[in-house]
Amino acid sequence: MTEWQVYILECADGSLYTGIARNLDERIAAHNNGTGAKYTRGRGPVKLVYQENVTSRSIALRREITIKKLTRADKLRLAESGE
C-alpha cells in the first residue's frame, strides 16, 4: 500500500504551511525551489516541523483539513509533541 504523508512546514517568515505528499523529500525540494505550492513561493527556505504517515490519499486529505483548522499554537504543539 502506498503511504501518504501529511506535513507541516515552517517558512522562512515564520508562517506555517500544511500539505500532503507521496514523496515528502521531493515535495519539500519543490517548495524550496519555488515549484511547490503558491503559498510557499517567496517564503523559502522551508523546513519540516511535523509529518505523519497515513495509508490513503483520502485519509491524508481529511487529516490535512483537520490540521489546517487548528490555531497556530495548536499546530506548534502538534509539531512539538509529534503526535
PDB file of N, CA and C in Angstrom:
ATOM      1  N   MET A   1       0.830  -1.178   0.000  1.00  0.00           N
ATOM      2  CA  MET A   1       0.000   0.000   0.000  1.00  0.00           C
ATOM      3  C   MET A   1       0.880   1.250   0.000  1.00  0.00           C
ATOM      4  N   THR A   2       0.586   2.186  -0.881  1.00  0.00           N
ATOM      5  CA  THR A   2       1.356   3.418  -0.946  1.00  0.00           C
ATOM      6  C   THR A   2       0.994   4.309   0.228  1.00  0.00           C
ATOM      7  N   GLU A   3       1.999   4.797   0.887  1.00  0.00           N
ATOM      8  CA  GLU A   3       1.746   5.683   2.009  1.00  0.00           C
ATOM      9  C   GLU A   3       1.760   7.127   1.553  1.00  0.00           C
ATOM     10  N   TRP A   4       0.968   7.910   2.212  1.00  0.00           N
ATOM     11  CA  TRP A   4       0.926   9.353   2.021  1.00  0.00           C
ATOM     12  C   TRP A   4       1.432  10.000   3.298  1.00  0.00           C
ATOM     13  N   GLN A   5       1.966  11.188   3.170  1.00  0.00           N
ATOM     14  CA  GLN A   5       2.413  11.940   4.330  1.00  0.00           C
ATOM     15  C   GLN A   5       1.607  13.234   4.422  1.00  0.00           C
ATOM     16  N   VAL A   6       1.227  13.551   5.639  1.00  0.00           N
ATOM     17  CA  VAL A   6       0.659  14.860   5.953  1.00  0.00           C
ATOM     18  C   VAL A   6       1.779  15.597   6.667  1.00  0.00           C
ATOM     19  N   TYR A   7       2.024  16.846   6.289  1.00  0.00           N
ATOM     20  CA  TYR A   7       3.181  17.531   6.851  1.00  0.00           C
ATOM     21  C   TYR A   7       2.887  18.994   7.149  1.00  0.00           C
ATOM     22  N   ILE A   8       3.686  19.532   8.054  1.00  0.00           N
ATOM     23  CA  ILE A   8       3.666  20.963   8.346  1.00  0.00           C
ATOM     24  C   ILE A   8       5.072  21.484   8.114  1.00  0.00           C
ATOM     25  N   LEU A   9       5.162  22.562   7.365  1.00  0.00           N
ATOM     26  CA  LEU A   9       6.433  23.228   7.107  1.00  0.00           C
ATOM     27  C   LEU A   9       6.441  24.579   7.804  1.00  0.00           C
ATOM     28  N   GLU A  10       7.605  24.982   8.265  1.00  0.00           N
ATOM     29  CA  GLU A  10       7.774  26.351   8.743  1.00  0.00           C
ATOM     30  C   GLU A  10       8.530  27.114   7.664  1.00  0.00           C
ATOM     31  N   CYS A  11       7.935  28.193   7.217  1.00  0.00           N
ATOM     32  CA  CYS A  11       8.548  29.024   6.183  1.00  0.00           C
ATOM     33  C   CYS A  11       9.553  29.984   6.821  1.00  0.00           C
ATOM     34  N   ALA A  12      10.412  30.566   6.001  1.00  0.00           N
ATOM     35  CA  ALA A  12      11.439  31.479   6.497  1.00  0.00           C
ATOM     36  C   ALA A  12      10.833  32.683   7.210  1.00  0.00           C
ATOM     37  N   ASP A  13       9.606  33.063   6.841  1.00  0.00           N
ATOM     38  CA  ASP A  13       8.952  34.198   7.503  1.00  0.00           C
ATOM     39  C   ASP A  13       8.247  33.797   8.795  1.00  0.00           C
ATOM     40  N   GLY A  14       8.375  32.525   9.191  1.00  0.00           N
ATOM     41  CA  GLY A  14       7.788  32.044  10.431  1.00  0.00           C
ATOM     42  C   GLY A  14       6.381  31.496  10.282  1.00  0.00           C
ATOM     43  N   SER A  15       5.789  31.642   9.105  1.00  0.00           N
ATOM     44  CA  SER A  15       4.445  31.109   8.895  1.00  0.00           C
ATOM     45  C   SER A  15       4.498  29.591   8.729  1.00  0.00           C
ATOM     46  N   LEU A  16       3.344  28.954   8.892  1.00  0.00           N
ATOM     47  CA  LEU A  16       3.251  27.501   8.786  1.00  0.00           C
ATOM     48  C   LEU A  16       2.423  27.129   7.565  1.00  0.00           C
ATOM     49  N   TYR A  17       2.827  26.067   6.895  1.00  0.00           N
ATOM     50  CA  TYR A  17       2.117  25.557   5.726  1.00  0.00           C
ATOM     51  C   TYR A  17       1.858  24.072   5.942  1.00  0.00           C
ATOM     52  N   THR A  18       0.643  23.631   5.676  1.00  0.00           N
ATOM     53  CA  THR A  18       0.275  22.220   5.822  1.00  0.00           C
ATOM     54  C   THR A  18      -0.065  21.650   4.456  1.00  0.00           C
ATOM     55  N   GLY A  19       0.421  20.441   4.173  1.00  0.00           N
ATOM     56  CA  GLY A  19       0.138  19.806   2.896  1.00  0.00           C
ATOM     57  C   GLY A  19       0.219  18.294   2.994  1.00  0.00           C
ATOM     58  N   ILE A  20       0.019  17.652   1.832  1.00  0.00           N
ATOM     59  CA  ILE A  20       0.145  16.198   1.744  1.00  0.00           C
ATOM     60  C   ILE A  20       1.075  15.857   0.597  1.00  0.00           C
ATOM     61  N   ALA A  21       1.674  14.679   0.656  1.00  0.00           N
ATOM     62  CA  ALA A  21       2.583  14.252  -0.408  1.00  0.00           C
ATOM     63  C   ALA A  21       2.750  12.743  -0.367  1.00  0.00           C
ATOM     64  N   ARG A  22       3.136  12.193  -1.492  1.00  0.00           N
ATOM     65  CA  ARG A  22       3.526  10.777  -1.541  1.00  0.00           C
ATOM     66  C   ARG A  22       5.015  10.639  -1.285  1.00  0.00           C
ATOM     67  N   ASN A  23       5.797  11.570  -1.822  1.00  0.00           N
ATOM     68  CA  ASN A  23       7.245  11.564  -1.615  1.00  0.00           C
ATOM     69  C   ASN A  23       7.604  12.893  -0.965  1.00  0.00           C
ATOM     70  N   LEU A  24       7.747  12.882   0.334  1.00  0.00           N
ATOM     71  CA  LEU A  24       7.933  14.113   1.085  1.00  0.00           C
ATOM     72  C   LEU A  24       9.241  14.822   0.744  1.00  0.00           C
ATOM     73  N   ASP A  25      10.308  14.084   0.540  1.00  0.00           N
ATOM     74  CA  ASP A  25      11.588  14.717   0.197  1.00  0.00           C
ATOM     75  C   ASP A  25      11.474  15.502  -1.109  1.00  0.00           C
ATOM     76  N   GLU A  26      10.844  14.909  -2.112  1.00  0.00           N
ATOM     77  CA  GLU A  26      10.663  15.606  -3.395  1.00  0.00           C
ATOM     78  C   GLU A  26       9.759  16.824  -3.232  1.00  0.00           C
ATOM     79  N   ARG A  27       8.723  16.692  -2.426  1.00  0.00           N
ATOM     80  CA  ARG A  27       7.782  17.796  -2.232  1.00  0.00           C
ATOM     81  C   ARG A  27       8.451  18.965  -1.521  1.00  0.00           C
ATOM     82  N   ILE A  28       9.256  18.689  -0.503  1.00  0.00           N
ATOM     83  CA  ILE A  28       9.962  19.767   0.196  1.00  0.00           C
ATOM     84  C   ILE A  28      10.951  20.440  -0.748  1.00  0.00           C
ATOM     85  N   ALA A  29      11.637  19.654  -1.568  1.00  0.00           N
ATOM     86  CA  ALA A  29      12.560  20.232  -2.561  1.00  0.00           C
ATOM     87  C   ALA A  29      11.799  21.149  -3.512  1.00  0.00           C
ATOM     88  N   ALA A  30      10.600  20.735  -3.927  1.00  0.00           N
ATOM     89  CA  ALA A  30       9.781  21.566  -4.817  1.00  0.00           C
ATOM     90  C   ALA A  30       9.401  22.880  -4.121  1.00  0.00           C
ATOM     91  N   HIS A  31       9.033  22.800  -2.854  1.00  0.00           N
ATOM     92  CA  HIS A  31       8.708  24.028  -2.107  1.00  0.00           C
ATOM     93  C   HIS A  31       9.929  24.947  -2.054  1.00  0.00           C
ATOM     94  N   ASN A  32      11.094  24.370  -1.820  1.00  0.00           N
ATOM     95  CA  ASN A  32      12.300  25.183  -1.678  1.00  0.00           C
ATOM     96  C   ASN A  32      12.812  25.753  -2.995  1.00  0.00           C
ATOM     97  N   ASN A  33      12.503  25.096  -4.115  1.00  0.00           N
ATOM     98  CA  ASN A  33      12.985  25.653  -5.385  1.00  0.00           C
ATOM     99  C   ASN A  33      11.926  26.478  -6.107  1.00  0.00           C
ATOM    100  N   GLY A  34      10.798  26.721  -5.432  1.00  0.00           N
ATOM    101  CA  GLY A  34       9.790  27.617  -5.988  1.00  0.00           C
ATOM    102  C   GLY A  34       8.747  26.969  -6.871  1.00  0.00           C
ATOM    103  N   THR A  35       8.765  25.627  -6.974  1.00  0.00           N
ATOM    104  CA  THR A  35       7.782  24.947  -7.816  1.00  0.00           C
ATOM    105  C   THR A  35       6.744  24.203  -6.984  1.00  0.00           C
ATOM    106  N   GLY A  36       6.755  24.444  -5.685  1.00  0.00           N
ATOM    107  CA  GLY A  36       5.758  23.834  -4.802  1.00  0.00           C
ATOM    108  C   GLY A  36       4.503  24.681  -4.790  1.00  0.00           C
ATOM    109  N   ALA A  37       3.851  24.729  -3.674  1.00  0.00           N
ATOM    110  CA  ALA A  37       2.612  25.490  -3.540  1.00  0.00           C
ATOM    111  C   ALA A  37       2.847  26.988  -3.716  1.00  0.00           C
ATOM    112  N   LYS A  38       1.843  27.649  -4.236  1.00  0.00           N
ATOM    113  CA  LYS A  38       1.924  29.092  -4.444  1.00  0.00           C
ATOM    114  C   LYS A  38       2.241  29.811  -3.129  1.00  0.00           C
ATOM    115  N   TYR A  39       1.665  29.321  -2.032  1.00  0.00           N
ATOM    116  CA  TYR A  39       1.878  29.954  -0.726  1.00  0.00           C
ATOM    117  C   TYR A  39       3.356  29.987  -0.338  1.00  0.00           C
ATOM    118  N   THR A  40       4.089  28.932  -0.620  1.00  0.00           N
ATOM    119  CA  THR A  40       5.478  28.855  -0.151  1.00  0.00           C
ATOM    120  C   THR A  40       6.464  29.567  -1.080  1.00  0.00           C
ATOM    121  N   ARG A  41       6.022  29.948  -2.272  1.00  0.00           N
ATOM    122  CA  ARG A  41       6.916  30.682  -3.174  1.00  0.00           C
ATOM    123  C   ARG A  41       7.252  32.025  -2.560  1.00  0.00           C
ATOM    124  N   GLY A  42       8.526  32.330  -2.480  1.00  0.00           N
ATOM    125  CA  GLY A  42       8.957  33.579  -1.880  1.00  0.00           C
ATOM    126  C   GLY A  42       9.010  33.546  -0.360  1.00  0.00           C
ATOM    127  N   ARG A  43       8.653  32.413   0.227  1.00  0.00           N
ATOM    128  CA  ARG A  43       8.715  32.285   1.683  1.00  0.00           C
ATOM    129  C   ARG A  43       9.767  31.264   2.104  1.00  0.00           C
ATOM    130  N   GLY A  44      10.586  30.824   1.180  1.00  0.00           N
ATOM    131  CA  GLY A  44      11.577  29.803   1.464  1.00  0.00           C
ATOM    132  C   GLY A  44      12.834  30.397   2.040  1.00  0.00           C
ATOM    133  N   PRO A  45      13.709  29.575   2.529  1.00  0.00           N
ATOM    134  CA  PRO A  45      13.548  28.126   2.544  1.00  0.00           C
ATOM    135  C   PRO A  45      12.554  27.679   3.619  1.00  0.00           C
ATOM    136  N   VAL A  46      12.000  26.508   3.369  1.00  0.00           N
ATOM    137  CA  VAL A  46      11.065  25.923   4.328  1.00  0.00           C
ATOM    138  C   VAL A  46      11.765  24.784   5.053  1.00  0.00           C
ATOM    139  N   LYS A  47      11.268  24.503   6.263  1.00  0.00           N
ATOM    140  CA  LYS A  47      11.812  23.348   6.979  1.00  0.00           C
ATOM    141  C   LYS A  47      10.649  22.532   7.524  1.00  0.00           C
ATOM    142  N   LEU A  48      10.838  21.235   7.524  1.00  0.00           N
ATOM    143  CA  LEU A  48       9.827  20.309   8.004  1.00  0.00           C
ATOM    144  C   LEU A  48       9.782  20.358   9.530  1.00  0.00           C
ATOM    145  N   VAL A  49       8.572  20.573  10.077  1.00  0.00           N
ATOM    146  CA  VAL A  49       8.439  20.579  11.537  1.00  0.00           C
ATOM    147  C   VAL A  49       7.537  19.446  12.025  1.00  0.00           C
ATOM    148  N   TYR A  50       6.768  18.831  11.108  1.00  0.00           N
ATOM    149  CA  TYR A  50       5.883  17.744  11.506  1.00  0.00           C
ATOM    150  C   TYR A  50       5.534  16.896  10.295  1.00  0.00           C
ATOM    151  N   GLN A  51       5.430  15.594  10.523  1.00  0.00           N
ATOM    152  CA  GLN A  51       4.945  14.698   9.476  1.00  0.00           C
ATOM    153  C   GLN A  51       4.270  13.502  10.108  1.00  0.00           C
ATOM    154  N   GLU A  52       3.265  12.993   9.427  1.00  0.00           N
ATOM    155  CA  GLU A  52       2.655  11.734   9.839  1.00  0.00           C
ATOM    156  C   GLU A  52       2.313  10.950   8.591  1.00  0.00           C
ATOM    157  N   ASN A  53       2.436   9.642   8.696  1.00  0.00           N
ATOM    158  CA  ASN A  53       2.140   8.749   7.575  1.00  0.00           C
ATOM    159  C   ASN A  53       0.715   8.242   7.696  1.00  0.00           C
ATOM    160  N   VAL A  54       0.031   8.203   6.564  1.00  0.00           N
ATOM    161  CA  VAL A  54      -1.318   7.645   6.504  1.00  0.00           C
ATOM    162  C   VAL A  54      -1.380   6.705   5.304  1.00  0.00           C
ATOM    163  N   THR A  55      -2.408   5.878   5.255  1.00  0.00           N
ATOM    164  CA  THR A  55      -2.438   4.813   4.254  1.00  0.00           C
ATOM    165  C   THR A  55      -3.143   5.162   2.948  1.00  0.00           C
ATOM    166  N   SER A  56      -3.861   6.290   2.908  1.00  0.00           N
ATOM    167  CA  SER A  56      -4.548   6.624   1.659  1.00  0.00           C
ATOM    168  C   SER A  56      -4.624   8.131   1.457  1.00  0.00           C
ATOM    169  N   ARG A  57      -4.858   8.513   0.219  1.00  0.00           N
ATOM    170  CA  ARG A  57      -4.979   9.927  -0.121  1.00  0.00           C
ATOM    171  C   ARG A  57      -6.183  10.544   0.585  1.00  0.00           C
ATOM    172  N   SER A  58      -7.291   9.818   0.647  1.00  0.00           N
ATOM    173  CA  SER A  58      -8.486  10.384   1.275  1.00  0.00           C
ATOM    174  C   SER A  58      -8.265  10.642   2.762  1.00  0.00           C
ATOM    175  N   ILE A  59      -7.584   9.742   3.431  1.00  0.00           N
ATOM    176  CA  ILE A  59      -7.266   9.961   4.850  1.00  0.00           C
ATOM    177  C   ILE A  59      -6.332  11.159   4.984  1.00  0.00           C
ATOM    178  N   ALA A  60      -5.349  11.253   4.089  1.00  0.00           N
ATOM    179  CA  ALA A  60      -4.407  12.376   4.121  1.00  0.00           C
ATOM    180  C   ALA A  60      -5.135  13.703   3.933  1.00  0.00           C
ATOM    181  N   LEU A  61      -6.064  13.756   2.993  1.00  0.00           N
ATOM    182  CA  LEU A  61      -6.807  15.000   2.746  1.00  0.00           C
ATOM    183  C   LEU A  61      -7.656  15.390   3.951  1.00  0.00           C
ATOM    184  N   ARG A  62      -8.307  14.415   4.559  1.00  0.00           N
ATOM    185  CA  ARG A  62      -9.124  14.716   5.742  1.00  0.00           C
ATOM    186  C   ARG A  62      -8.253  15.214   6.896  1.00  0.00           C
ATOM    187  N   ARG A  63      -7.103  14.577   7.079  1.00  0.00           N
ATOM    188  CA  ARG A  63      -6.194  14.994   8.157  1.00  0.00           C
ATOM    189  C   ARG A  63      -5.633  16.389   7.878  1.00  0.00           C
ATOM    190  N   GLU A  64      -5.305  16.667   6.616  1.00  0.00           N
ATOM    191  CA  GLU A  64      -4.805  17.994   6.240  1.00  0.00           C
ATOM    192  C   GLU A  64      -5.839  19.065   6.596  1.00  0.00           C
ATOM    193  N   ILE A  65      -7.087  18.820   6.274  1.00  0.00           N
ATOM    194  CA  ILE A  65      -8.154  19.775   6.585  1.00  0.00           C
ATOM    195  C   ILE A  65      -8.264  19.989   8.089  1.00  0.00           C
ATOM    196  N   THR A  66      -8.193  18.892   8.841  1.00  0.00           N
ATOM    197  CA  THR A  66      -8.263  18.985  10.303  1.00  0.00           C
ATOM    198  C   THR A  66      -7.127  19.836  10.850  1.00  0.00           C
ATOM    199  N   ILE A  67      -5.917  19.602  10.363  1.00  0.00           N
ATOM    200  CA  ILE A  67      -4.758  20.365  10.840  1.00  0.00           C
ATOM    201  C   ILE A  67      -4.869  21.827  10.437  1.00  0.00           C
ATOM    202  N   LYS A  68      -5.328  22.094   9.229  1.00  0.00           N
ATOM    203  CA  LYS A  68      -5.444  23.481   8.770  1.00  0.00           C
ATOM    204  C   LYS A  68      -6.433  24.281   9.614  1.00  0.00           C
ATOM    205  N   LYS A  69      -7.383  23.620  10.233  1.00  0.00           N
ATOM    206  CA  LYS A  69      -8.364  24.308  11.087  1.00  0.00           C
ATOM    207  C   LYS A  69      -7.806  24.636  12.471  1.00  0.00           C
ATOM    208  N   LEU A  70      -6.663  24.045  12.829  1.00  0.00           N
ATOM    209  CA  LEU A  70      -6.060  24.305  14.134  1.00  0.00           C
ATOM    210  C   LEU A  70      -5.491  25.711  14.195  1.00  0.00           C
ATOM    211  N   THR A  71      -5.393  26.235  15.396  1.00  0.00           N
ATOM    212  CA  THR A  71      -4.719  27.515  15.578  1.00  0.00           C
ATOM    213  C   THR A  71      -3.214  27.304  15.389  1.00  0.00           C
ATOM    214  N   ARG A  72      -2.503  28.395  15.208  1.00  0.00           N
ATOM    215  CA  ARG A  72      -1.044  28.312  15.076  1.00  0.00           C
ATOM    216  C   ARG A  72      -0.439  27.639  16.311  1.00  0.00           C
ATOM    217  N   ALA A  73      -0.909  28.032  17.488  1.00  0.00           N
ATOM    218  CA  ALA A  73      -0.388  27.455  18.728  1.00  0.00           C
ATOM    219  C   ALA A  73      -0.627  25.947  18.770  1.00  0.00           C
ATOM    220  N   ASP A  74      -1.812  25.515  18.346  1.00  0.00           N
ATOM    221  CA  ASP A  74      -2.110  24.082  18.341  1.00  0.00           C
ATOM    222  C   ASP A  74      -1.248  23.349  17.311  1.00  0.00           C
ATOM    223  N   LYS A  75      -0.987  23.961  16.173  1.00  0.00           N
ATOM    224  CA  LYS A  75      -0.106  23.340  15.168  1.00  0.00           C
ATOM    225  C   LYS A  75       1.306  23.197  15.722  1.00  0.00           C
ATOM    226  N   LEU A  76       1.778  24.210  16.419  1.00  0.00           N
ATOM    227  CA  LEU A  76       3.124  24.143  17.002  1.00  0.00           C
ATOM    228  C   LEU A  76       3.183  23.081  18.096  1.00  0.00           C
ATOM    229  N   ARG A  77       2.124  22.957  18.895  1.00  0.00           N
ATOM    230  CA  ARG A  77       2.070  21.910  19.918  1.00  0.00           C
ATOM    231  C   ARG A  77       2.098  20.531  19.258  1.00  0.00           C
ATOM    232  N   LEU A  78       1.345  20.380  18.173  1.00  0.00           N
ATOM    233  CA  LEU A  78       1.325  19.126  17.432  1.00  0.00           C
ATOM    234  C   LEU A  78       2.734  18.789  16.932  1.00  0.00           C
ATOM    235  N   ALA A  79       3.398  19.768  16.362  1.00  0.00           N
ATOM    236  CA  ALA A  79       4.755  19.567  15.849  1.00  0.00           C
ATOM    237  C   ALA A  79       5.719  19.211  16.975  1.00  0.00           C
ATOM    238  N   GLU A  80       5.559  19.865  18.103  1.00  0.00           N
ATOM    239  CA  GLU A  80       6.441  19.617  19.239  1.00  0.00           C
ATOM    240  C   GLU A  80       6.242  18.225  19.825  1.00  0.00           C
ATOM    241  N   SER A  81       4.989  17.810  19.921  1.00  0.00           N
ATOM    242  CA  SER A  81       4.690  16.511  20.514  1.00  0.00           C
ATOM    243  C   SER A  81       4.916  15.365  19.536  1.00  0.00           C
ATOM    244  N   GLY A  82       4.811  15.659  18.239  1.00  0.00           N
ATOM    245  CA  GLY A  82       4.988  14.625  17.239  1.00  0.00           C
ATOM    246  C   GLY A  82       3.835  13.657  17.153  1.00  0.00           C
ATOM    247  N   GLU A  83       2.703  14.001  17.740  1.00  0.00           N
ATOM    248  CA  GLU A  83       1.544  13.102  17.721  1.00  0.00           C
ATOM    249  C   GLU A  83       0.416  13.697  16.936  1.00  0.00           C
TER     250      GLU A  83
END
